[in-house]
C-alpha atoms as a PDB file:
ATOM      1  CA  MET A   1     182.517  50.601  17.510  1.00  0.00           C
ATOM      2  CA  ILE A   2     182.618  50.467  21.291  1.00  0.00           C
ATOM      3  CA  GLU A   3     181.395  47.409  23.170  1.00  0.00           C
ATOM      4  CA  THR A   4     180.488  46.677  26.785  1.00  0.00           C
ATOM      5  CA  PRO A   5     179.191  43.513  28.282  1.00  0.00           C
ATOM      6  CA  ARG A   6     175.558  44.452  27.391  1.00  0.00           C
ATOM      7  CA  LEU A   7     175.813  47.258  24.932  1.00  0.00           C
ATOM      8  CA  ARG A   8     177.175  48.190  21.498  1.00  0.00           C
ATOM      9  CA  LEU A   9     177.872  51.880  20.672  1.00  0.00           C
ATOM     10  CA  ARG A  10     178.169  52.663  16.971  1.00  0.00           C
ATOM     11  CA  LEU A  11     178.173  55.772  14.786  1.00  0.00           C
ATOM     12  CA  MET A  12     174.714  57.264  14.239  1.00  0.00           C
ATOM     13  CA  ARG A  13     173.728  57.121  10.608  1.00  0.00           C
ATOM     14  CA  GLU A  14     170.809  58.218   8.379  1.00  0.00           C
ATOM     15  CA  HIS A  15     168.739  55.098   9.325  1.00  0.00           C
ATOM     16  CA  ASP A  16     168.774  56.219  12.909  1.00  0.00           C
ATOM     17  CA  TRP A  17     166.397  59.131  12.360  1.00  0.00           C
ATOM     18  CA  PRO A  18     163.425  57.385  14.101  1.00  0.00           C
ATOM     19  CA  LEU A  19     165.482  57.045  17.318  1.00  0.00           C
ATOM     20  CA  PHE A  20     166.735  60.520  17.090  1.00  0.00           C
ATOM     21  CA  VAL A  21     163.345  62.079  16.603  1.00  0.00           C
ATOM     22  CA  LYS A  22     161.841  59.890  19.292  1.00  0.00           C
ATOM     23  CA  LEU A  23     164.437  61.058  21.902  1.00  0.00           C
ATOM     24  CA  HIS A  24     164.043  64.718  20.885  1.00  0.00           C
ATOM     25  CA  THR A  25     160.257  64.682  21.179  1.00  0.00           C
ATOM     26  CA  ASN A  26     159.924  62.688  24.396  1.00  0.00           C
ATOM     27  CA  GLU A  27     158.928  65.018  27.311  1.00  0.00           C
ATOM     28  CA  ARG A  28     160.665  62.762  29.981  1.00  0.00           C
ATOM     29  CA  VAL A  29     163.905  62.878  28.008  1.00  0.00           C
ATOM     30  CA  LEU A  30     163.752  66.622  27.275  1.00  0.00           C
ATOM     31  CA  GLU A  31     162.757  67.577  30.832  1.00  0.00           C
ATOM     32  CA  TRP A  32     166.401  68.417  31.763  1.00  0.00           C
ATOM     33  CA  VAL A  33     167.765  69.026  28.265  1.00  0.00           C
ATOM     34  CA  SER A  34     165.871  71.518  26.169  1.00  0.00           C
ATOM     35  CA  ASP A  35     162.572  72.860  25.036  1.00  0.00           C
ATOM     36  CA  THR A  36     160.684  71.035  22.379  1.00  0.00           C
ATOM     37  CA  MET A  37     161.889  71.754  18.842  1.00  0.00           C
ATOM     38  CA  SER A  38     159.956  71.499  15.604  1.00  0.00           C
ATOM     39  CA  GLU A  39     160.474  68.424  13.474  1.00  0.00           C
ATOM     40  CA  ALA A  40     162.409  70.608  10.913  1.00  0.00           C
ATOM     41  CA  GLU A  41     164.761  71.809  13.732  1.00  0.00           C
ATOM     42  CA  ILE A  42     165.241  68.272  14.882  1.00  0.00           C
ATOM     43  CA  HIS A  43     165.913  67.055  11.416  1.00  0.00           C
ATOM     44  CA  ALA A  44     168.412  69.814  10.772  1.00  0.00           C
ATOM     45  CA  LYS A  45     170.271  68.820  14.041  1.00  0.00           C
ATOM     46  CA  PHE A  46     170.171  65.222  12.975  1.00  0.00           C
ATOM     47  CA  GLN A  47     171.624  65.971   9.529  1.00  0.00           C
ATOM     48  CA  GLN A  48     174.352  68.001  11.110  1.00  0.00           C
ATOM     49  CA  ARG A  49     175.288  65.242  13.605  1.00  0.00           C
ATOM     50  CA  CYS A  50     175.301  62.608  10.744  1.00  0.00           C
ATOM     51  CA  GLU A  51     177.583  64.847   8.594  1.00  0.00           C
ATOM     52  CA  GLU A  52     179.944  65.435  11.597  1.00  0.00           C
ATOM     53  CA  ASN A  53     180.148  61.669  12.165  1.00  0.00           C
ATOM     54  CA  GLU A  54     181.217  61.189   8.481  1.00  0.00           C
ATOM     55  CA  SER A  55     184.163  63.481   8.918  1.00  0.00           C
ATOM     56  CA  TRP A  56     184.830  63.234  12.647  1.00  0.00           C
ATOM     57  CA  HIS A  57     188.307  63.853  13.880  1.00  0.00           C
ATOM     58  CA  LYS A  58     189.272  64.668  17.425  1.00  0.00           C
ATOM     59  CA  GLU A  59     191.024  67.860  16.463  1.00  0.00           C
ATOM     60  CA  ARG A  60     187.893  69.383  14.928  1.00  0.00           C
ATOM     61  CA  SER A  61     185.279  71.086  17.111  1.00  0.00           C
ATOM     62  CA  GLN A  62     182.376  68.749  16.325  1.00  0.00           C
ATOM     63  CA  TRP A  63     180.107  66.057  17.863  1.00  0.00           C
ATOM     64  CA  LEU A  64     180.693  62.413  17.633  1.00  0.00           C
ATOM     65  CA  THR A  65     177.231  60.925  18.069  1.00  0.00           C
ATOM     66  CA  LEU A  66     176.834  57.226  18.951  1.00  0.00           C
ATOM     67  CA  VAL A  67     173.737  55.014  19.075  1.00  0.00           C
ATOM     68  CA  ILE A  68     173.488  52.801  22.121  1.00  0.00           C
ATOM     69  CA  GLU A  69     172.112  49.254  21.233  1.00  0.00           C
ATOM     70  CA  CYS A  70     171.351  46.430  23.509  1.00  0.00           C
ATOM     71  CA  LYS A  71     173.462  43.463  22.352  1.00  0.00           C
ATOM     72  CA  GLU A  72     170.956  40.769  23.421  1.00  0.00           C
ATOM     73  CA  THR A  73     167.833  42.297  21.873  1.00  0.00           C
ATOM     74  CA  CYS A  74     169.271  44.706  19.277  1.00  0.00           C
ATOM     75  CA  GLU A  75     166.930  47.398  20.657  1.00  0.00           C
ATOM     76  CA  LEU A  76     168.023  51.006  20.434  1.00  0.00           C
ATOM     77  CA  VAL A  77     168.490  52.402  23.920  1.00  0.00           C
ATOM     78  CA  GLY A  78     169.535  56.008  23.236  1.00  0.00           C
ATOM     79  CA  LEU A  79     172.381  58.291  22.118  1.00  0.00           C
ATOM     80  CA  HIS A  80     175.749  59.069  23.637  1.00  0.00           C
ATOM     81  CA  GLY A  81     178.634  61.170  22.393  1.00  0.00           C
ATOM     82  CA  PHE A  82     180.875  64.114  22.914  1.00  0.00           C
ATOM     83  CA  LEU A  83     181.779  67.440  21.484  1.00  0.00           C
ATOM     84  CA  ALA A  84     185.511  67.475  20.770  1.00  0.00           C
ATOM     85  CA  MET A  85     187.236  70.663  21.753  1.00  0.00           C
ATOM     86  CA  TRP A  86     190.837  69.611  21.160  1.00  0.00           C
ATOM     87  CA  HIS A  87     192.407  72.992  20.628  1.00  0.00           C
ATOM     88  CA  PRO A  88     193.802  74.418  22.826  1.00  0.00           C
ATOM     89  CA  TYR A  89     193.308  72.288  25.913  1.00  0.00           C
ATOM     90  CA  GLN A  90     192.305  68.757  24.664  1.00  0.00           C
ATOM     91  CA  GLN A  91     188.823  68.773  26.170  1.00  0.00           C
ATOM     92  CA  ALA A  92     185.539  67.133  25.236  1.00  0.00           C
ATOM     93  CA  GLU A  93     181.972  67.709  26.454  1.00  0.00           C
ATOM     94  CA  LEU A  94     180.010  64.600  27.192  1.00  0.00           C
ATOM     95  CA  GLY A  95     176.297  64.257  26.525  1.00  0.00           C
ATOM     96  CA  PHE A  96     173.722  61.325  26.444  1.00  0.00           C
ATOM     97  CA  MET A  97     170.012  60.752  26.031  1.00  0.00           C
ATOM     98  CA  ILE A  98     168.321  57.505  27.067  1.00  0.00           C
ATOM     99  CA  LEU A  99     164.791  56.435  26.260  1.00  0.00           C
ATOM    100  CA  PRO A 100     162.634  56.276  29.417  1.00  0.00           C
ATOM    101  CA  GLU A 101     161.901  52.491  29.096  1.00  0.00           C
ATOM    102  CA  PHE A 102     165.756  51.925  29.376  1.00  0.00           C
ATOM    103  CA  GLN A 103     166.384  54.262  32.261  1.00  0.00           C
ATOM    104  CA  GLY A 104     167.244  52.857  35.673  1.00  0.00           C
ATOM    105  CA  VAL A 105     168.751  49.674  34.496  1.00  0.00           C
ATOM    106  CA  GLY A 106     172.394  50.768  34.247  1.00  0.00           C
ATOM    107  CA  TYR A 107     172.692  51.339  30.564  1.00  0.00           C
ATOM    108  CA  ALA A 108     173.595  55.055  30.995  1.00  0.00           C
ATOM    109  CA  LYS A 109     176.305  54.250  33.415  1.00  0.00           C
ATOM    110  CA  GLU A 110     177.675  51.337  31.377  1.00  0.00           C
ATOM    111  CA  SER A 111     177.733  53.364  28.142  1.00  0.00           C
ATOM    112  CA  THR A 112     179.182  56.475  29.882  1.00  0.00           C
ATOM    113  CA  ALA A 113     182.046  54.459  31.409  1.00  0.00           C
ATOM    114  CA  ALA A 114     182.866  53.074  27.969  1.00  0.00           C
ATOM    115  CA  VAL A 115     182.755  56.602  26.344  1.00  0.00           C
ATOM    116  CA  ILE A 116     184.962  57.929  29.122  1.00  0.00           C
ATOM    117  CA  ASP A 117     187.605  55.269  28.380  1.00  0.00           C
ATOM    118  CA  PHE A 118     187.350  55.955  24.614  1.00  0.00           C
ATOM    119  CA  THR A 119     187.780  59.741  24.950  1.00  0.00           C
ATOM    120  CA  LEU A 120     190.476  59.660  27.720  1.00  0.00           C
ATOM    121  CA  ILE A 121     192.512  56.556  26.791  1.00  0.00           C
ATOM    122  CA  GLU A 122     191.969  55.961  23.093  1.00  0.00           C
ATOM    123  CA  CYS A 123     191.660  59.575  21.926  1.00  0.00           C
ATOM    124  CA  GLY A 124     193.954  61.107  24.515  1.00  0.00           C
ATOM    125  CA  PHE A 125     191.690  63.940  25.685  1.00  0.00           C
ATOM    126  CA  HIS A 126     192.930  65.569  28.888  1.00  0.00           C
ATOM    127  CA  LYS A 127     189.558  66.587  30.358  1.00  0.00           C
ATOM    128  CA  LEU A 128     185.935  65.632  29.976  1.00  0.00           C
ATOM    129  CA  ILE A 129     183.281  68.138  30.971  1.00  0.00           C
ATOM    130  CA  ALA A 130     179.481  67.741  31.449  1.00  0.00           C
ATOM    131  CA  THR A 131     176.681  70.096  32.041  1.00  0.00           C
ATOM    132  CA  VAL A 132     173.833  68.908  34.187  1.00  0.00           C
ATOM    133  CA  SER A 133     170.715  70.973  34.832  1.00  0.00           C
ATOM    134  CA  GLU A 134     170.280  71.561  38.505  1.00  0.00           C
ATOM    135  CA  GLY A 135     167.649  69.082  39.813  1.00  0.00           C
ATOM    136  CA  ASN A 136     168.698  66.263  37.389  1.00  0.00           C
ATOM    137  CA  GLU A 137     169.848  64.121  40.299  1.00  0.00           C
ATOM    138  CA  ALA A 138     170.098  60.893  38.172  1.00  0.00           C
ATOM    139  CA  SER A 139     172.596  62.326  35.707  1.00  0.00           C
ATOM    140  CA  PHE A 140     174.508  64.162  38.460  1.00  0.00           C
ATOM    141  CA  GLY A 141     174.736  60.982  40.593  1.00  0.00           C
ATOM    142  CA  LEU A 142     175.756  58.855  37.542  1.00  0.00           C
ATOM    143  CA  LEU A 143     178.617  61.221  36.590  1.00  0.00           C
ATOM    144  CA  THR A 144     179.908  61.687  40.182  1.00  0.00           C
ATOM    145  CA  ALA A 145     179.880  57.832  40.674  1.00  0.00           C
ATOM    146  CA  LEU A 146     182.051  57.553  37.539  1.00  0.00           C
ATOM    147  CA  GLY A 147     184.606  60.105  38.931  1.00  0.00           C
ATOM    148  CA  PHE A 148     183.378  63.465  37.703  1.00  0.00           C
ATOM    149  CA  VAL A 149     183.780  66.354  40.144  1.00  0.00           C
ATOM    150  CA  HIS A 150     181.302  69.180  40.571  1.00  0.00           C
ATOM    151  CA  GLU A 151     183.397  72.288  39.580  1.00  0.00           C
ATOM    152  CA  GLY A 152     180.664  74.893  39.981  1.00  0.00           C
ATOM    153  CA  THR A 153     177.207  76.067  39.128  1.00  0.00           C
ATOM    154  CA  LEU A 154     176.241  78.714  36.585  1.00  0.00           C
ATOM    155  CA  LYS A 155     173.190  80.499  37.812  1.00  0.00           C
ATOM    156  CA  ASP A 156     170.249  81.163  35.472  1.00  0.00           C
ATOM    157  CA  ASN A 157     172.365  79.798  32.655  1.00  0.00           C
ATOM    158  CA  PHE A 158     169.738  78.154  30.465  1.00  0.00           C
ATOM    159  CA  LYS A 159     166.052  78.335  29.922  1.00  0.00           C
ATOM    160  CA  ILE A 160     163.757  75.274  29.706  1.00  0.00           C
ATOM    161  CA  ALA A 161     159.985  75.678  29.403  1.00  0.00           C
ATOM    162  CA  GLY A 162     160.302  79.365  30.203  1.00  0.00           C
ATOM    163  CA  LYS A 163     162.084  78.761  33.479  1.00  0.00           C
ATOM    164  CA  TRP A 164     165.700  79.766  34.100  1.00  0.00           C
ATOM    165  CA  ILE A 165     167.796  76.729  35.022  1.00  0.00           C
ATOM    166  CA  HIS A 166     171.132  76.564  36.866  1.00  0.00           C
ATOM    167  CA  ASP A 167     173.760  74.509  35.089  1.00  0.00           C
ATOM    168  CA  GLN A 168     176.039  72.366  37.145  1.00  0.00           C
ATOM    169  CA  LYS A 169     179.448  71.941  35.584  1.00  0.00           C
ATOM    170  CA  LEU A 170     181.190  68.732  36.203  1.00  0.00           C
ATOM    171  CA  ALA A 171     184.642  67.521  35.002  1.00  0.00           C
ATOM    172  CA  LEU A 172     186.895  64.459  34.927  1.00  0.00           C
ATOM    173  CA  ILE A 173     190.540  64.914  34.368  1.00  0.00           C
ATOM    174  CA  ALA A 174     192.612  62.043  32.757  1.00  0.00           C
ATOM    175  CA  ASN A 175     195.110  60.180  34.862  1.00  0.00           C
ATOM    176  CA  ASN A 176     198.521  61.325  33.614  1.00  0.00           C
END
């Protein structure tokens, strides 16, 4: 478990299905992430993430998915995590989804800073990467404020709602 002054980040488990499906069906959350999926597709993704959490190890190429909870109210805020890509270059790709009612109050920044510390300091990853859809200024600004550097843009790299999206690639390298 990871703790910050206001938040607790814990492994996602089977009982977190309502949060997972709520995030993956919310248009405001998905705007910069992906197209809407069927409930069966969402459930398959959820099951896979729960299974990966059960056997997670940094040297396996799999997601570590964490639930973000508000300590004071015990409300579920969103999900955070990273895809470990240890071999051969000790990298991980960061990702997060925050429910709209908890956006704009600093929870994303607070949880991301804690996940950065966990991946770089405790797990020993060399580099964190993140992909932000061009136009998602909130996520881009949050990551650059935490030290990520824009390394480049991949043109027409992803499709959301039938439109081609440019992906901005950002990275943070551990202090050696």
